Amino acid sequence: MNLTEFNQSDRCEDFSCPERSVSPAVYILLYMFSAAVVLLIVCGNMLVIISVLLFKQLHTPTNMLVLSLALSDFLVGALVMPLMLIWTIESCWIFGKASCTFCLLTNGFLMNVSIYNITLIAVDRYFALSNPFLYINTMSRRTMCYVVYSNWCVCLAYVIAFCYFSGTFMSFVICPGQCFLVLNEVDSIIDLVLSLIFPCSVIIILYTRVFVIAKKHATAIRELNNHTQPKTQKLTSHSMKSERKAAKVLGILVSVFLVCLLPYFIYSLLGNVIEIQTDTFQKVIVVMFVNSAINPFIYALFYPWFRRCFKLIITLRVFQTDSALINVLS
C-alpha cells in the first residue's frame, strides 16, 4: 500500500488537469516509448518465468524466489505500468474511480510482494553462505515454494487489513483528474515502516553480512589451494565460488532495486514536510517501476543459463519433446 499516499491536509482543489503543452510528434513518441517500456517489462520477465518453469535444472530453491520476483514484475508491467504511464503523459487520470481503486490496490500489493521477495532473496543468500550444510539439508524446492506462497498471501492479507482498519474502503478519496489515496499521518507511518523501512533494513544488514562471509570464503579458497588434495580442492573450491557468484549477482539485483526505490523512499519520508508537485511524484513512481524492466537484463548479463534459455525460447526449441532435459547449466 506504499505507493500513492497523500496526507489528509492535501486538498483536491490543489490538483487539476493542465493543458497538454507538448507537440503531437512528441506526444506520439512518448506513447511509443511507454509501449516499448511496458513490452520490455512483460516480455523480459515472461522469459525468466518460462525459463525457470520449463527447465528442470533451474528448479532450485533460490530460483523459486527469482520466479516469484519475475512474476510480480510481470504483473506490474501488465496491470499497473500502462495506467501509470498514461497518467504521466496526460497529466490527468482519465480512467475513473473504479480503475483508480484497482490500480492503487494492485500497485500496493505487487510492490509489497516485490520488496519482500528481495528481502527473502537476501535471507536465502545469507542462510546459504553462513550455514551451507544446514541450508542444503533443510531448504528444498518444496519448502521454498511454501515460503513464496506464504509471502504472496501475507502481502495480500496486509493490503486488505490495512485498507479495512484504516477506513480506506469507506473513505476512498479521489481528486478529479487525479488518483491519490488519502491517509492520515498514523496510517502513513505504519505503512512506511512495514512496507519500506523494515524490509530495506533487513536487506542492507543481511547483504553486509553476506559480503563479509563471501570475503572469508575467498580467503578459505586460497588456503585450499595450498593444503588440500587436487580433487577435493576442486570440488570445494567450485562450490564456494558458485555460492559467492550467486550472492554477488543477487547482490547486484538487490542494489539496483534499492537505487530505484530510493527516490520514492525519500519522497515518503519528506512528502509531508516539503511540497512535491504531482508530476514529480509521478516520475518518482515511474523510476521505481523501471526496476521491473532492469531485472531480466541483470539475469541475462550475469547468468549464462538465462542466455541459453533465451536462445532456446526464441528459436522455438522449447516445443521439442526433450527440451526440458536440455542442459542449460553447462
Protein backbone atom coordinates (compact mmCIF):
# COMPACT_ATOMS: atom_id res chain seq x y z
CA MET A 1 0.00 0.00 0.00
CA ASN A 2 3.02 2.26 -0.05
CA LEU A 3 2.82 3.85 -3.48
CA THR A 4 0.36 6.68 -3.75
CA GLU A 5 -0.33 8.24 -0.38
CA PHE A 6 -1.18 11.82 0.49
CA ASN A 7 -1.78 13.32 3.88
CA GLN A 8 -5.33 14.45 4.58
CA SER A 9 -4.15 18.04 4.69
CA ASP A 10 -3.90 17.93 0.87
CA ARG A 11 -6.95 19.28 -0.93
CA CYS A 12 -8.43 18.24 -4.24
CA GLU A 13 -8.52 21.84 -5.39
CA ASP A 14 -4.72 21.77 -5.38
CA PHE A 15 -4.82 19.36 -8.30
CA SER A 16 -6.15 19.96 -11.79
CA CYS A 17 -5.69 18.67 -15.31
CA PRO A 18 -3.30 21.06 -17.08
CA GLU A 19 -3.39 21.76 -20.77
CA ARG A 20 -1.17 19.47 -22.80
CA SER A 21 1.76 21.61 -23.92
CA VAL A 22 3.79 19.12 -25.98
CA SER A 23 3.64 18.88 -29.76
CA PRO A 24 1.76 16.00 -31.44
CA ALA A 25 5.04 14.42 -32.56
CA VAL A 26 6.45 14.40 -29.02
CA TYR A 27 3.09 13.15 -27.74
CA ILE A 28 3.23 10.17 -30.11
CA LEU A 29 6.87 9.47 -29.23
CA LEU A 30 6.02 9.44 -25.54
CA TYR A 31 3.32 6.83 -26.12
CA MET A 32 5.65 4.77 -28.33
CA PHE A 33 8.35 4.88 -25.66
CA SER A 34 5.82 3.92 -22.97
CA ALA A 35 4.61 0.98 -25.05
CA ALA A 36 8.22 -0.15 -25.52
CA VAL A 37 8.88 0.01 -21.75
CA VAL A 38 5.74 -1.99 -20.97
CA LEU A 39 6.63 -4.55 -23.66
CA LEU A 40 10.16 -4.80 -22.27
CA ILE A 41 8.89 -5.46 -18.75
CA VAL A 42 6.29 -8.00 -19.84
CA CYS A 43 8.46 -9.93 -22.33
CA GLY A 44 11.66 -9.82 -20.26
CA ASN A 45 10.02 -11.18 -17.13
CA MET A 46 8.00 -13.68 -19.15
CA LEU A 47 11.30 -15.09 -20.44
CA VAL A 48 12.51 -15.54 -16.86
CA ILE A 49 9.22 -17.19 -15.83
CA ILE A 50 9.24 -19.61 -18.79
CA SER A 51 12.92 -20.44 -18.26
CA VAL A 52 12.58 -21.31 -14.57
CA LEU A 53 9.33 -23.25 -15.07
CA LEU A 54 10.40 -25.20 -18.13
CA PHE A 55 13.97 -26.34 -17.43
CA LYS A 56 14.33 -28.85 -14.61
CA GLN A 57 17.91 -27.85 -13.85
CA LEU A 58 16.63 -24.44 -12.77
CA HIS A 59 14.19 -25.85 -10.20
CA THR A 60 16.31 -24.75 -7.24
CA PRO A 61 15.14 -23.05 -4.02
CA THR A 62 16.79 -19.73 -4.93
CA ASN A 63 15.26 -19.77 -8.41
CA MET A 64 11.81 -20.13 -6.84
CA LEU A 65 12.41 -16.69 -5.36
CA VAL A 66 13.66 -15.43 -8.74
CA LEU A 67 10.46 -16.83 -10.30
CA SER A 68 8.31 -15.07 -7.70
CA LEU A 69 10.10 -11.76 -8.30
CA ALA A 70 9.74 -12.13 -12.08
CA LEU A 71 6.02 -12.87 -11.69
CA SER A 72 5.43 -9.79 -9.55
CA ASP A 73 7.43 -7.66 -12.03
CA PHE A 74 5.44 -9.14 -14.91
CA LEU A 75 2.13 -8.25 -13.25
CA VAL A 76 3.39 -4.73 -12.54
CA GLY A 77 4.18 -4.31 -16.25
CA ALA A 78 0.91 -5.84 -17.41
CA LEU A 79 -1.57 -4.33 -14.93
CA VAL A 80 -0.15 -1.17 -13.37
CA MET A 81 2.57 0.32 -15.56
CA PRO A 82 0.33 1.12 -18.59
CA LEU A 83 -2.11 3.11 -16.44
CA MET A 84 0.68 4.96 -14.62
CA LEU A 85 2.47 5.90 -17.86
CA ILE A 86 -0.73 7.19 -19.46
CA TRP A 87 -1.42 9.21 -16.31
CA THR A 88 2.08 10.67 -16.50
CA ILE A 89 1.80 11.57 -20.20
CA GLU A 90 -1.70 13.03 -19.94
CA SER A 91 -1.01 14.72 -16.57
CA CYS A 92 -4.55 13.68 -15.72
CA TRP A 93 -6.25 10.47 -14.55
CA ILE A 94 -8.74 9.60 -17.30
CA PHE A 95 -9.90 6.12 -16.25
CA GLY A 96 -12.39 6.82 -13.48
CA LYS A 97 -12.63 5.96 -9.79
CA ALA A 98 -13.00 2.18 -10.17
CA SER A 99 -9.83 1.93 -12.26
CA CYS A 100 -8.01 4.18 -9.80
CA THR A 101 -9.03 1.97 -6.89
CA PHE A 102 -7.89 -1.14 -8.78
CA CYS A 103 -4.60 0.49 -9.74
CA LEU A 104 -3.80 1.67 -6.20
CA LEU A 105 -4.63 -1.63 -4.51
CA THR A 106 -2.89 -3.76 -7.14
CA ASN A 107 0.05 -1.39 -7.06
CA GLY A 108 0.42 -1.60 -3.30
CA PHE A 109 0.04 -5.38 -3.26
CA LEU A 110 2.57 -6.09 -6.03
CA MET A 111 5.18 -3.66 -4.73
CA ASN A 112 4.94 -5.21 -1.27
CA VAL A 113 5.36 -8.65 -2.84
CA SER A 114 8.39 -7.40 -4.80
CA ILE A 115 10.19 -5.81 -1.87
CA TYR A 116 9.60 -8.85 0.34
CA ASN A 117 10.77 -11.12 -2.49
CA ILE A 118 14.01 -9.14 -2.47
CA THR A 119 14.13 -9.47 1.32
CA LEU A 120 13.67 -13.24 1.09
CA ILE A 121 16.46 -13.42 -1.51
CA ALA A 122 18.76 -11.65 0.97
CA VAL A 123 17.72 -14.09 3.73
CA ASP A 124 18.23 -17.05 1.38
CA ARG A 125 21.76 -15.97 0.37
CA TYR A 126 22.74 -15.24 3.96
CA PHE A 127 21.47 -18.64 5.10
CA ALA A 128 23.19 -20.44 2.19
CA LEU A 129 26.56 -18.80 2.86
CA SER A 130 26.54 -18.76 6.66
CA ASN A 131 25.20 -22.34 7.14
CA PRO A 132 25.71 -24.16 3.81
CA PHE A 133 25.28 -27.71 5.15
CA LEU A 134 22.15 -26.83 7.14
CA TYR A 135 20.80 -24.96 4.11
CA ILE A 136 21.26 -27.97 1.81
CA ASN A 137 19.59 -30.32 4.31
CA THR A 138 16.61 -28.13 5.20
CA MET A 139 15.85 -25.87 2.23
CA SER A 140 14.19 -27.90 -0.50
CA ARG A 141 12.35 -26.60 -3.54
CA ARG A 142 9.02 -27.55 -1.96
CA THR A 143 9.87 -25.68 1.24
CA MET A 144 10.80 -22.57 -0.76
CA CYS A 145 7.52 -22.83 -2.70
CA TYR A 146 5.67 -22.72 0.62
CA VAL A 147 7.72 -19.66 1.61
CA VAL A 148 6.91 -17.90 -1.68
CA TYR A 149 3.22 -18.79 -1.42
CA SER A 150 3.13 -17.50 2.16
CA ASN A 151 4.78 -14.25 1.08
CA TRP A 152 2.07 -13.58 -1.52
CA CYS A 153 -0.71 -14.48 0.92
CA VAL A 154 0.70 -12.35 3.74
CA CYS A 155 1.13 -9.33 1.43
CA LEU A 156 -2.43 -9.71 0.16
CA ALA A 157 -3.75 -10.05 3.71
CA TYR A 158 -1.75 -6.97 4.75
CA VAL A 159 -3.19 -4.80 1.96
CA ILE A 160 -6.76 -5.92 2.74
CA ALA A 161 -6.30 -5.48 6.51
CA PHE A 162 -4.62 -2.10 6.06
CA CYS A 163 -7.47 -0.83 3.88
CA TYR A 164 -10.07 -2.16 6.31
CA PHE A 165 -8.58 -0.84 9.57
CA SER A 166 -7.52 2.49 8.09
CA GLY A 167 -11.02 3.01 6.70
CA THR A 168 -9.73 3.25 3.13
CA PHE A 169 -12.60 1.19 1.75
CA MET A 170 -15.10 3.52 3.42
CA SER A 171 -13.39 6.85 2.75
CA PHE A 172 -11.54 6.46 -0.51
CA VAL A 173 -10.81 9.99 -1.74
CA ILE A 174 -10.25 10.55 -5.44
CA CYS A 175 -9.46 14.07 -6.62
CA PRO A 176 -10.96 14.93 -10.02
CA GLY A 177 -8.42 14.12 -12.70
CA GLN A 178 -6.02 12.53 -10.20
CA CYS A 179 -5.54 9.18 -8.45
CA PHE A 180 -4.27 9.63 -4.91
CA LEU A 181 -5.00 7.66 -1.77
CA VAL A 182 -5.56 9.93 1.23
CA LEU A 183 -4.23 8.56 4.53
CA ASN A 184 -3.80 10.10 7.95
CA GLU A 185 -0.32 10.51 9.43
CA VAL A 186 -0.51 7.45 11.71
CA ASP A 187 -1.51 5.10 8.88
CA SER A 188 1.17 6.58 6.63
CA ILE A 189 3.89 5.99 9.23
CA ILE A 190 2.73 2.40 9.89
CA ASP A 191 2.72 1.62 6.19
CA LEU A 192 6.10 3.30 5.67
CA VAL A 193 7.69 1.20 8.42
CA LEU A 194 6.19 -2.14 7.32
CA SER A 195 6.49 -1.63 3.56
CA LEU A 196 9.82 0.20 3.29
CA ILE A 197 11.93 0.78 6.40
CA PHE A 198 11.75 -2.73 7.89
CA PRO A 199 12.42 -4.76 4.68
CA CYS A 200 15.10 -2.32 3.47
CA SER A 201 16.86 -2.52 6.83
CA VAL A 202 16.82 -6.33 6.71
CA ILE A 203 18.17 -6.29 3.14
CA ILE A 204 21.04 -3.91 3.92
CA ILE A 205 22.07 -5.69 7.14
CA LEU A 206 21.98 -9.19 5.62
CA TYR A 207 23.84 -8.25 2.46
CA THR A 208 26.52 -6.55 4.53
CA ARG A 209 26.91 -9.87 6.32
CA VAL A 210 26.83 -11.78 3.01
CA PHE A 211 29.75 -9.83 1.58
CA VAL A 212 31.75 -10.29 4.81
CA ILE A 213 31.17 -14.05 4.58
CA ALA A 214 32.00 -14.06 0.87
CA LYS A 215 35.32 -12.40 1.66
CA LYS A 216 36.08 -15.11 4.23
CA HIS A 217 35.23 -17.74 1.62
CA ALA A 218 37.70 -16.17 -0.80
CA THR A 219 40.40 -16.47 1.86
CA ALA A 220 39.40 -20.10 2.51
CA ILE A 221 39.66 -20.90 -1.20
CA ARG A 222 43.20 -19.56 -1.31
CA GLU A 223 44.11 -21.72 1.66
CA LEU A 224 42.56 -24.77 -0.01
CA ASN A 225 44.85 -24.25 -2.97
CA ASN A 226 47.81 -24.90 -0.69
CA HIS A 227 46.58 -27.56 1.74
CA THR A 228 44.12 -29.97 0.08
CA GLN A 229 44.28 -32.75 -2.46
CA PRO A 230 43.57 -31.69 -6.07
CA LYS A 231 40.18 -33.44 -6.40
CA THR A 232 38.82 -32.29 -3.03
CA GLN A 233 40.24 -28.84 -3.65
CA LYS A 234 38.48 -28.60 -7.00
CA LEU A 235 35.06 -29.67 -5.68
CA THR A 236 35.15 -27.50 -2.55
CA SER A 237 36.56 -24.50 -4.38
CA HIS A 238 33.92 -24.79 -7.11
CA SER A 239 31.12 -24.99 -4.53
CA MET A 240 32.35 -21.91 -2.68
CA LYS A 241 32.86 -19.95 -5.88
CA SER A 242 29.35 -20.89 -7.05
CA GLU A 243 27.78 -19.63 -3.82
CA ARG A 244 29.87 -16.43 -3.93
CA LYS A 245 28.87 -15.77 -7.54
CA ALA A 246 25.18 -16.28 -6.73
CA ALA A 247 25.50 -13.89 -3.79
CA LYS A 248 27.28 -11.33 -5.97
CA VAL A 249 24.69 -11.43 -8.77
CA LEU A 250 21.75 -11.29 -6.41
CA GLY A 251 23.55 -8.53 -4.51
CA ILE A 252 23.63 -6.50 -7.73
CA LEU A 253 19.92 -7.19 -8.23
CA VAL A 254 19.18 -6.02 -4.68
CA SER A 255 21.38 -2.92 -5.08
CA VAL A 256 19.60 -1.90 -8.29
CA PHE A 257 16.26 -2.41 -6.56
CA LEU A 258 17.28 -0.16 -3.67
CA VAL A 259 18.58 2.54 -6.03
CA CYS A 260 15.26 2.53 -7.93
CA LEU A 261 13.40 2.60 -4.63
CA LEU A 262 15.49 5.42 -3.15
CA PRO A 263 13.62 8.37 -4.79
CA TYR A 264 10.28 7.10 -3.51
CA PHE A 265 11.82 6.31 -0.13
CA ILE A 266 12.96 9.94 0.15
CA TYR A 267 9.56 11.13 -1.04
CA SER A 268 7.79 9.01 1.59
CA LEU A 269 9.95 10.50 4.36
CA LEU A 270 9.73 14.13 3.19
CA GLY A 271 6.35 14.20 1.44
CA ASN A 272 4.60 15.72 4.44
CA VAL A 273 7.43 18.19 5.13
CA ILE A 274 8.06 19.72 1.71
CA GLU A 275 5.59 20.36 -1.08
CA ILE A 276 6.08 18.00 -4.03
CA GLN A 277 4.38 18.61 -7.36
CA THR A 278 2.14 15.95 -8.89
CA ASP A 279 4.36 15.46 -11.95
CA THR A 280 7.39 14.97 -9.69
CA PHE A 281 5.51 12.31 -7.74
CA GLN A 282 4.56 10.54 -10.97
CA LYS A 283 8.18 10.48 -12.13
CA VAL A 284 9.27 9.04 -8.79
CA ILE A 285 6.77 6.20 -9.21
CA VAL A 286 7.88 5.52 -12.80
CA VAL A 287 11.55 5.35 -11.71
CA MET A 288 10.60 2.75 -9.11
CA PHE A 289 8.77 0.70 -11.76
CA VAL A 290 11.77 0.80 -14.11
CA ASN A 291 13.39 -1.76 -11.81
CA SER A 292 10.91 -4.32 -13.16
CA ALA A 293 12.43 -3.86 -16.62
CA ILE A 294 16.05 -3.94 -15.43
CA ASN A 295 15.93 -7.25 -13.55
CA PRO A 296 15.78 -9.54 -16.63
CA PHE A 297 18.85 -7.76 -18.07
CA ILE A 298 20.73 -8.46 -14.83
CA TYR A 299 19.95 -12.16 -15.27
CA ALA A 300 20.99 -12.06 -18.94
CA LEU A 301 24.22 -10.21 -18.18
CA PHE A 302 25.45 -12.38 -15.32
CA TYR A 303 23.71 -15.74 -15.75
CA PRO A 304 24.82 -17.83 -18.79
CA TRP A 305 21.84 -20.14 -18.22
CA PHE A 306 19.44 -17.26 -18.91
CA ARG A 307 21.11 -16.51 -22.23
CA ARG A 308 20.90 -20.17 -23.21
CA CYS A 309 17.23 -20.31 -22.21
CA PHE A 310 16.57 -17.11 -24.12
CA LYS A 311 18.09 -18.65 -27.26
CA LEU A 312 16.09 -21.86 -26.87
CA ILE A 313 12.85 -19.93 -26.42
CA ILE A 314 13.46 -17.55 -29.33
CA THR A 315 14.37 -20.42 -31.68
CA LEU A 316 11.25 -22.33 -30.52
CA ARG A 317 13.31 -25.33 -29.44
CA VAL A 318 11.29 -25.30 -26.22
CA PHE A 319 8.48 -27.00 -28.14
CA GLN A 320 10.60 -30.11 -28.67
CA THR A 321 9.60 -33.06 -26.53
CA ASP A 322 13.02 -33.26 -24.83
CA SER A 323 13.50 -29.53 -24.31
CA ALA A 324 13.05 -29.77 -20.55
CA LEU A 325 16.05 -32.13 -20.41
CA ILE A 326 18.42 -29.83 -22.27
CA ASN A 327 21.32 -28.92 -20.01
CA VAL A 328 21.27 -25.13 -19.81
CA LEU A 329 23.75 -25.01 -16.95
CA SER A 330 26.75 -26.48 -18.77
